[in-house]
Amino acid sequence: QLVESGGGLVQAGGSLRLSCAASGRTFSTYNMGW
């Protein structure tokens, strides 16, 4: 299960950091994409 966070409204030229929290014990065995 994947849950994203960190989105929002920002002005051009600004920055944001998105996070994705994953459930399960085998996270390291997965390729991850955005």
Full PDB file with SEQRES, HELIX, SHEET, SSBOND, CRYST1, ORIGX, SCALE, CONECT and MASTER records, all heavy atoms in Angstrom:
SEQRES   1 A   34  GLN LEU VAL GLU SER GLY GLY GLY LEU VAL GLN ALA GLY          
SEQRES   2 A   34  GLY SER LEU ARG LEU SER CYS ALA ALA SER GLY ARG THR          
SEQRES   3 A   34  PHE SER THR TYR ASN MET GLY TRP                              
HELIX    1 AA1 PHE A   27  THR A   29  5                                   3    
SHEET    1 AA1 2 LEU A   2  SER A   5  0                                        
SHEET    2 AA1 2 SER A  19  ALA A  22 -1                                        
CRYST1    1.000    1.000    1.000  90.00  90.00  90.00 P 1           1          
ORIGX1      1.000000  0.000000  0.000000        0.00000                         
ORIGX2      0.000000  1.000000  0.000000        0.00000                         
ORIGX3      0.000000  0.000000  1.000000        0.00000                         
SCALE1      1.000000  0.000000  0.000000        0.00000                         
SCALE2      0.000000  1.000000  0.000000        0.00000                         
SCALE3      0.000000  0.000000  1.000000        0.00000                         
ATOM      1  N   GLN A   1       0.849  -1.192   0.000  1.00  0.00           N  
ATOM      2  CA  GLN A   1       0.000   0.000   0.000  1.00  0.00           C  
ATOM      3  C   GLN A   1       0.880   1.235   0.000  1.00  0.00           C  
ATOM      4  O   GLN A   1       1.871   1.294   0.744  1.00  0.00           O  
ATOM      5  CB  GLN A   1      -0.925  -0.012   1.207  1.00  0.00           C  
ATOM      6  CG  GLN A   1      -1.984  -1.098   1.139  1.00  0.00           C  
ATOM      7  CD  GLN A   1      -2.982  -1.024   2.279  1.00  0.00           C  
ATOM      8  OE1 GLN A   1      -2.643  -0.622   3.380  1.00  0.00           O  
ATOM      9  NE2 GLN A   1      -4.217  -1.405   2.001  1.00  0.00           N  
ATOM     10  N   LEU A   2       0.501   2.204  -0.824  1.00  0.00           N  
ATOM     11  CA  LEU A   2       1.312   3.402  -1.004  1.00  0.00           C  
ATOM     12  C   LEU A   2       0.484   4.637  -0.676  1.00  0.00           C  
ATOM     13  O   LEU A   2      -0.663   4.756  -1.132  1.00  0.00           O  
ATOM     14  CB  LEU A   2       1.809   3.486  -2.446  1.00  0.00           C  
ATOM     15  CG  LEU A   2       2.607   2.281  -2.950  1.00  0.00           C  
ATOM     16  CD1 LEU A   2       2.843   2.396  -4.455  1.00  0.00           C  
ATOM     17  CD2 LEU A   2       3.921   2.144  -2.226  1.00  0.00           C  
ATOM     18  N   VAL A   3       1.065   5.545   0.071  1.00  0.00           N  
ATOM     19  CA  VAL A   3       0.382   6.780   0.434  1.00  0.00           C  
ATOM     20  C   VAL A   3       1.308   7.949   0.158  1.00  0.00           C  
ATOM     21  O   VAL A   3       2.377   8.064   0.774  1.00  0.00           O  
ATOM     22  CB  VAL A   3      -0.037   6.782   1.915  1.00  0.00           C  
ATOM     23  CG1 VAL A   3      -0.729   8.104   2.258  1.00  0.00           C  
ATOM     24  CG2 VAL A   3      -0.952   5.603   2.220  1.00  0.00           C  
ATOM     25  N   GLU A   4       0.884   8.819  -0.762  1.00  0.00           N  
ATOM     26  CA  GLU A   4       1.677  10.004  -1.112  1.00  0.00           C  
ATOM     27  C   GLU A   4       1.302  11.178  -0.214  1.00  0.00           C  
ATOM     28  O   GLU A   4       0.181  11.273   0.273  1.00  0.00           O  
ATOM     29  CB  GLU A   4       1.450  10.414  -2.568  1.00  0.00           C  
ATOM     30  CG  GLU A   4       1.728   9.352  -3.604  1.00  0.00           C  
ATOM     31  CD  GLU A   4       0.495   8.601  -4.037  1.00  0.00           C  
ATOM     32  OE1 GLU A   4      -0.479   8.552  -3.253  1.00  0.00           O  
ATOM     33  OE2 GLU A   4       0.484   8.066  -5.165  1.00  0.00           O  
ATOM     34  N   SER A   5       2.237  12.079  -0.068  1.00  0.00           N  
ATOM     35  CA  SER A   5       1.999  13.332   0.652  1.00  0.00           C  
ATOM     36  C   SER A   5       2.979  14.375   0.150  1.00  0.00           C  
ATOM     37  O   SER A   5       3.940  14.041  -0.549  1.00  0.00           O  
ATOM     38  CB  SER A   5       2.151  13.131   2.161  1.00  0.00           C  
ATOM     39  OG  SER A   5       3.461  12.720   2.486  1.00  0.00           O  
ATOM     40  N   GLY A   6       2.712  15.627   0.507  1.00  0.00           N  
ATOM     41  CA  GLY A   6       3.653  16.687   0.175  1.00  0.00           C  
ATOM     42  C   GLY A   6       3.240  17.581  -0.977  1.00  0.00           C  
ATOM     43  O   GLY A   6       3.929  18.549  -1.289  1.00  0.00           O  
ATOM     44  N   GLY A   7       2.117  17.261  -1.618  1.00  0.00           N  
ATOM     45  CA  GLY A   7       1.666  18.119  -2.706  1.00  0.00           C  
ATOM     46  C   GLY A   7       1.139  19.446  -2.189  1.00  0.00           C  
ATOM     47  O   GLY A   7       0.992  19.647  -0.976  1.00  0.00           O  
ATOM     48  N   GLY A   8       0.859  20.353  -3.115  1.00  0.00           N  
ATOM     49  CA  GLY A   8       0.327  21.653  -2.719  1.00  0.00           C  
ATOM     50  C   GLY A   8       0.432  22.654  -3.839  1.00  0.00           C  
ATOM     51  O   GLY A   8       0.670  22.303  -4.994  1.00  0.00           O  
ATOM     52  N   LEU A   9       0.246  23.917  -3.462  1.00  0.00           N  
ATOM     53  CA  LEU A   9       0.307  25.024  -4.406  1.00  0.00           C  
ATOM     54  C   LEU A   9       1.621  25.762  -4.208  1.00  0.00           C  
ATOM     55  O   LEU A   9       1.987  26.114  -3.074  1.00  0.00           O  
ATOM     56  CB  LEU A   9      -0.873  25.973  -4.158  1.00  0.00           C  
ATOM     57  CG  LEU A   9      -0.895  27.273  -4.946  1.00  0.00           C  
ATOM     58  CD1 LEU A   9      -1.020  27.004  -6.438  1.00  0.00           C  
ATOM     59  CD2 LEU A   9      -2.035  28.162  -4.461  1.00  0.00           C  
ATOM     60  N   VAL A  10       2.317  26.002  -5.297  1.00  0.00           N  
ATOM     61  CA  VAL A  10       3.608  26.684  -5.225  1.00  0.00           C  
ATOM     62  C   VAL A  10       3.751  27.586  -6.442  1.00  0.00           C  
ATOM     63  O   VAL A  10       3.181  27.312  -7.507  1.00  0.00           O  
ATOM     64  CB  VAL A  10       4.762  25.656  -5.149  1.00  0.00           C  
ATOM     65  CG1 VAL A  10       4.835  24.821  -6.411  1.00  0.00           C  
ATOM     66  CG2 VAL A  10       6.089  26.323  -4.848  1.00  0.00           C  
ATOM     67  N   GLN A  11       4.494  28.656  -6.286  1.00  0.00           N  
ATOM     68  CA  GLN A  11       4.743  29.552  -7.412  1.00  0.00           C  
ATOM     69  C   GLN A  11       5.816  28.972  -8.325  1.00  0.00           C  
ATOM     70  O   GLN A  11       6.678  28.195  -7.881  1.00  0.00           O  
ATOM     71  CB  GLN A  11       5.180  30.922  -6.909  1.00  0.00           C  
ATOM     72  CG  GLN A  11       4.057  31.749  -6.287  1.00  0.00           C  
ATOM     73  CD  GLN A  11       4.485  33.181  -6.004  1.00  0.00           C  
ATOM     74  OE1 GLN A  11       5.663  33.457  -5.803  1.00  0.00           O  
ATOM     75  NE2 GLN A  11       3.526  34.086  -6.000  1.00  0.00           N  
ATOM     76  N   ALA A  12       5.768  29.360  -9.569  1.00  0.00           N  
ATOM     77  CA  ALA A  12       6.790  28.941 -10.522  1.00  0.00           C  
ATOM     78  C   ALA A  12       8.172  29.313  -9.990  1.00  0.00           C  
ATOM     79  O   ALA A  12       8.364  30.401  -9.441  1.00  0.00           O  
ATOM     80  CB  ALA A  12       6.555  29.577 -11.876  1.00  0.00           C  
ATOM     81  N   GLY A  13       9.101  28.378 -10.139  1.00  0.00           N  
ATOM     82  CA  GLY A  13      10.446  28.571  -9.628  1.00  0.00           C  
ATOM     83  C   GLY A  13      10.651  28.016  -8.237  1.00  0.00           C  
ATOM     84  O   GLY A  13      11.788  27.920  -7.760  1.00  0.00           O  
ATOM     85  N   GLY A  14       9.556  27.659  -7.580  1.00  0.00           N  
ATOM     86  CA  GLY A  14       9.629  27.133  -6.229  1.00  0.00           C  
ATOM     87  C   GLY A  14       9.921  25.646  -6.189  1.00  0.00           C  
ATOM     88  O   GLY A  14      10.187  25.016  -7.221  1.00  0.00           O  
ATOM     89  N   SER A  15       9.869  25.089  -4.974  1.00  0.00           N  
ATOM     90  CA  SER A  15      10.206  23.683  -4.762  1.00  0.00           C  
ATOM     91  C   SER A  15       9.142  23.006  -3.919  1.00  0.00           C  
ATOM     92  O   SER A  15       8.471  23.639  -3.107  1.00  0.00           O  
ATOM     93  CB  SER A  15      11.553  23.570  -4.042  1.00  0.00           C  
ATOM     94  OG  SER A  15      12.595  24.112  -4.805  1.00  0.00           O  
ATOM     95  N   LEU A  16       9.034  21.715  -4.127  1.00  0.00           N  
ATOM     96  CA  LEU A  16       8.201  20.851  -3.291  1.00  0.00           C  
ATOM     97  C   LEU A  16       8.919  19.517  -3.152  1.00  0.00           C  
ATOM     98  O   LEU A  16       9.659  19.108  -4.051  1.00  0.00           O  
ATOM     99  CB  LEU A  16       6.824  20.607  -3.909  1.00  0.00           C  
ATOM    100  CG  LEU A  16       5.747  21.677  -3.772  1.00  0.00           C  
ATOM    101  CD1 LEU A  16       4.508  21.279  -4.560  1.00  0.00           C  
ATOM    102  CD2 LEU A  16       5.394  21.929  -2.318  1.00  0.00           C  
ATOM    103  N   ARG A  17       8.643  18.836  -2.049  1.00  0.00           N  
ATOM    104  CA  ARG A  17       9.166  17.493  -1.848  1.00  0.00           C  
ATOM    105  C   ARG A  17       8.002  16.553  -1.595  1.00  0.00           C  
ATOM    106  O   ARG A  17       7.297  16.685  -0.598  1.00  0.00           O  
ATOM    107  CB  ARG A  17      10.121  17.456  -0.665  1.00  0.00           C  
ATOM    108  CG  ARG A  17      10.851  16.121  -0.523  1.00  0.00           C  
ATOM    109  CD  ARG A  17      11.524  16.025   0.818  1.00  0.00           C  
ATOM    110  NE  ARG A  17      12.513  14.958   0.888  1.00  0.00           N  
ATOM    111  CZ  ARG A  17      12.915  14.394   2.016  1.00  0.00           C  
ATOM    112  NH1 ARG A  17      12.436  14.805   3.174  1.00  0.00           N  
ATOM    113  NH2 ARG A  17      13.823  13.432   1.980  1.00  0.00           N  
ATOM    114  N   LEU A  18       7.809  15.626  -2.518  1.00  0.00           N  
ATOM    115  CA  LEU A  18       6.773  14.615  -2.353  1.00  0.00           C  
ATOM    116  C   LEU A  18       7.349  13.411  -1.621  1.00  0.00           C  
ATOM    117  O   LEU A  18       8.509  13.044  -1.832  1.00  0.00           O  
ATOM    118  CB  LEU A  18       6.230  14.179  -3.707  1.00  0.00           C  
ATOM    119  CG  LEU A  18       5.659  15.271  -4.611  1.00  0.00           C  
ATOM    120  CD1 LEU A  18       5.072  14.651  -5.871  1.00  0.00           C  
ATOM    121  CD2 LEU A  18       4.642  16.114  -3.893  1.00  0.00           C  
ATOM    122  N   SER A  19       6.519  12.811  -0.788  1.00  0.00           N  
ATOM    123  CA  SER A  19       6.892  11.595  -0.078  1.00  0.00           C  
ATOM    124  C   SER A  19       5.888  10.499  -0.394  1.00  0.00           C  
ATOM    125  O   SER A  19       4.715  10.771  -0.645  1.00  0.00           O  
ATOM    126  CB  SER A  19       6.918  11.829   1.438  1.00  0.00           C  
ATOM    127  OG  SER A  19       7.847  12.804   1.799  1.00  0.00           O  
ATOM    128  N   CYS A  20       6.364   9.282  -0.362  1.00  0.00           N  
ATOM    129  CA  CYS A  20       5.496   8.135  -0.553  1.00  0.00           C  
ATOM    130  C   CYS A  20       5.872   7.100   0.504  1.00  0.00           C  
ATOM    131  O   CYS A  20       7.017   6.634   0.537  1.00  0.00           O  
ATOM    132  CB  CYS A  20       5.660   7.559  -1.948  1.00  0.00           C  
ATOM    133  SG  CYS A  20       4.756   6.028  -2.245  1.00  0.00           S  
ATOM    134  N   ALA A  21       4.918   6.798   1.365  1.00  0.00           N  
ATOM    135  CA  ALA A  21       5.142   5.800   2.412  1.00  0.00           C  
ATOM    136  C   ALA A  21       4.548   4.470   1.965  1.00  0.00           C  
ATOM    137  O   ALA A  21       3.395   4.414   1.520  1.00  0.00           O  
ATOM    138  CB  ALA A  21       4.502   6.252   3.713  1.00  0.00           C  
ATOM    139  N   ALA A  22       5.333   3.418   2.079  1.00  0.00           N  
ATOM    140  CA  ALA A  22       4.905   2.094   1.636  1.00  0.00           C  
ATOM    141  C   ALA A  22       4.751   1.151   2.812  1.00  0.00           C  
ATOM    142  O   ALA A  22       5.550   1.183   3.753  1.00  0.00           O  
ATOM    143  CB  ALA A  22       5.914   1.529   0.641  1.00  0.00           C  
ATOM    144  N   SER A  23       3.744   0.325   2.746  1.00  0.00           N  
ATOM    145  CA  SER A  23       3.573  -0.722   3.755  1.00  0.00           C  
ATOM    146  C   SER A  23       4.332  -1.964   3.314  1.00  0.00           C  
ATOM    147  O   SER A  23       4.760  -2.073   2.169  1.00  0.00           O  
ATOM    148  CB  SER A  23       2.092  -1.060   3.919  1.00  0.00           C  
ATOM    149  OG  SER A  23       1.608  -1.623   2.714  1.00  0.00           O  
ATOM    150  N   GLY A  24       4.489  -2.900   4.218  1.00  0.00           N  
ATOM    151  CA  GLY A  24       5.100  -4.180   3.853  1.00  0.00           C  
ATOM    152  C   GLY A  24       6.562  -4.258   4.213  1.00  0.00           C  
ATOM    153  O   GLY A  24       7.243  -3.244   4.354  1.00  0.00           O  
ATOM    154  N   ARG A  25       7.050  -5.493   4.301  1.00  0.00           N  
ATOM    155  CA  ARG A  25       8.418  -5.732   4.745  1.00  0.00           C  
ATOM    156  C   ARG A  25       9.397  -5.851   3.598  1.00  0.00           C  
ATOM    157  O   ARG A  25      10.597  -5.943   3.824  1.00  0.00           O  
ATOM    158  CB  ARG A  25       8.465  -7.021   5.558  1.00  0.00           C  
ATOM    159  CG  ARG A  25       7.593  -7.023   6.792  1.00  0.00           C  
ATOM    160  CD  ARG A  25       7.676  -8.345   7.523  1.00  0.00           C  
ATOM    161  NE  ARG A  25       6.767  -8.403   8.659  1.00  0.00           N  
ATOM    162  CZ  ARG A  25       6.622  -9.451   9.436  1.00  0.00           C  
ATOM    163  NH1 ARG A  25       7.318 -10.544   9.204  1.00  0.00           N  
ATOM    164  NH2 ARG A  25       5.775  -9.415  10.444  1.00  0.00           N  
ATOM    165  N   THR A  26       8.889  -5.856   2.368  1.00  0.00           N  
ATOM    166  CA  THR A  26       9.759  -6.133   1.235  1.00  0.00           C  
ATOM    167  C   THR A  26       9.944  -4.916   0.351  1.00  0.00           C  
ATOM    168  O   THR A  26      10.181  -5.040  -0.842  1.00  0.00           O  
ATOM    169  CB  THR A  26       9.183  -7.296   0.420  1.00  0.00           C  
ATOM    170  OG1 THR A  26       7.865  -6.953  -0.031  1.00  0.00           O  
ATOM    171  CG2 THR A  26       9.152  -8.569   1.234  1.00  0.00           C  
ATOM    172  N   PHE A  27       9.845  -3.745   0.917  1.00  0.00           N  
ATOM    173  CA  PHE A  27       9.937  -2.500   0.144  1.00  0.00           C  
ATOM    174  C   PHE A  27      11.201  -2.452  -0.687  1.00  0.00           C  
ATOM    175  O   PHE A  27      11.176  -2.017  -1.837  1.00  0.00           O  
ATOM    176  CB  PHE A  27       9.889  -1.313   1.109  1.00  0.00           C  
ATOM    177  CG  PHE A  27      10.111   0.012   0.461  1.00  0.00           C  
ATOM    178  CD1 PHE A  27       9.087   0.626  -0.253  1.00  0.00           C  
ATOM    179  CD2 PHE A  27      11.337   0.658   0.549  1.00  0.00           C  
ATOM    180  CE1 PHE A  27       9.283   1.861  -0.858  1.00  0.00           C  
ATOM    181  CE2 PHE A  27      11.541   1.889  -0.046  1.00  0.00           C  
ATOM    182  CZ  PHE A  27      10.511   2.486  -0.759  1.00  0.00           C  
ATOM    183  N   SER A  28      12.294  -2.898  -0.133  1.00  0.00           N  
ATOM    184  CA  SER A  28      13.576  -2.790  -0.833  1.00  0.00           C  
ATOM    185  C   SER A  28      13.636  -3.645  -2.090  1.00  0.00           C  
ATOM    186  O   SER A  28      14.521  -3.443  -2.927  1.00  0.00           O  
ATOM    187  CB  SER A  28      14.724  -3.171   0.101  1.00  0.00           C  
ATOM    188  OG  SER A  28      14.612  -4.530   0.493  1.00  0.00           O  
ATOM    189  N   THR A  29      12.724  -4.572  -2.242  1.00  0.00           N  
ATOM    190  CA  THR A  29      12.727  -5.443  -3.422  1.00  0.00           C  
ATOM    191  C   THR A  29      11.919  -4.871  -4.582  1.00  0.00           C  
ATOM    192  O   THR A  29      11.829  -5.498  -5.640  1.00  0.00           O  
ATOM    193  CB  THR A  29      12.169  -6.833  -3.079  1.00  0.00           C  
ATOM    194  OG1 THR A  29      10.778  -6.717  -2.754  1.00  0.00           O  
ATOM    195  CG2 THR A  29      12.918  -7.467  -1.914  1.00  0.00           C  
ATOM    196  N   TYR A  30      11.339  -3.700  -4.390  1.00  0.00           N  
ATOM    197  CA  TYR A  30      10.509  -3.089  -5.423  1.00  0.00           C  
ATOM    198  C   TYR A  30      11.220  -1.929  -6.111  1.00  0.00           C  
ATOM    199  O   TYR A  30      11.886  -1.113  -5.464  1.00  0.00           O  
ATOM    200  CB  TYR A  30       9.199  -2.567  -4.827  1.00  0.00           C  
ATOM    201  CG  TYR A  30       8.222  -3.666  -4.478  1.00  0.00           C  
ATOM    202  CD1 TYR A  30       8.260  -4.279  -3.227  1.00  0.00           C  
ATOM    203  CD2 TYR A  30       7.280  -4.096  -5.395  1.00  0.00           C  
ATOM    204  CE1 TYR A  30       7.374  -5.294  -2.903  1.00  0.00           C  
ATOM    205  CE2 TYR A  30       6.382  -5.106  -5.079  1.00  0.00           C  
ATOM    206  CZ  TYR A  30       6.439  -5.688  -3.842  1.00  0.00           C  
ATOM    207  OH  TYR A  30       5.562  -6.699  -3.513  1.00  0.00           O  
ATOM    208  N   ASN A  31      11.051  -1.863  -7.408  1.00  0.00           N  
ATOM    209  CA  ASN A  31      11.363  -0.634  -8.125  1.00  0.00           C  
ATOM    210  C   ASN A  31      10.269   0.373  -7.798  1.00  0.00           C  
ATOM    211  O   ASN A  31       9.095   0.007  -7.731  1.00  0.00           O  
ATOM    212  CB  ASN A  31      11.369  -0.870  -9.632  1.00  0.00           C  
ATOM    213  CG  ASN A  31      12.342  -1.959 -10.037  1.00  0.00           C  
ATOM    214  OD1 ASN A  31      13.496  -1.943  -9.633  1.00  0.00           O  
ATOM    215  ND2 ASN A  31      11.861  -2.923 -10.802  1.00  0.00           N  
ATOM    216  N   MET A  32      10.648   1.612  -7.618  1.00  0.00           N  
ATOM    217  CA  MET A  32       9.669   2.646  -7.271  1.00  0.00           C  
ATOM    218  C   MET A  32       9.657   3.727  -8.338  1.00  0.00           C  
ATOM    219  O   MET A  32      10.704   4.131  -8.843  1.00  0.00           O  
ATOM    220  CB  MET A  32      10.009   3.274  -5.921  1.00  0.00           C  
ATOM    221  CG  MET A  32      10.015   2.282  -4.753  1.00  0.00           C  
ATOM    222  SD  MET A  32       8.433   1.476  -4.508  1.00  0.00           S  
ATOM    223  CE  MET A  32       7.380   2.876  -4.109  1.00  0.00           C  
ATOM    224  N   GLY A  33       8.457   4.182  -8.653  1.00  0.00           N  
ATOM    225  CA  GLY A  33       8.338   5.198  -9.684  1.00  0.00           C  
ATOM    226  C   GLY A  33       7.389   6.311  -9.275  1.00  0.00           C  
ATOM    227  O   GLY A  33       6.551   6.145  -8.392  1.00  0.00           O  
ATOM    228  N   TRP A  34       7.580   7.445  -9.911  1.00  0.00           N  
ATOM    229  CA  TRP A  34       6.643   8.569  -9.810  1.00  0.00           C  
ATOM    230  C   TRP A  34       6.091   8.838 -11.206  1.00  0.00           C  
ATOM    231  O   TRP A  34       6.855   8.917 -12.185  1.00  0.00           O  
ATOM    232  CB  TRP A  34       7.324   9.826  -9.277  1.00  0.00           C  
ATOM    233  CG  TRP A  34       7.617   9.797  -7.803  1.00  0.00           C  
ATOM    234  CD1 TRP A  34       8.808   9.474  -7.204  1.00  0.00           C  
ATOM    235  CD2 TRP A  34       6.713  10.128  -6.742  1.00  0.00           C  
ATOM    236  NE1 TRP A  34       8.694   9.565  -5.845  1.00  0.00           N  
ATOM    237  CE2 TRP A  34       7.415   9.978  -5.528  1.00  0.00           C  
ATOM    238  CE3 TRP A  34       5.376  10.538  -6.690  1.00  0.00           C  
ATOM    239  CZ2 TRP A  34       6.837  10.222  -4.280  1.00  0.00           C  
ATOM    240  CZ3 TRP A  34       4.800  10.777  -5.463  1.00  0.00           C  
ATOM    241  CH2 TRP A  34       5.530  10.615  -4.273  1.00  0.00           C  
TER     242      TRP A  34                                                      
MASTER        0    0    0    1    2    0    0    6  241    1    0    3          
END                                                                             
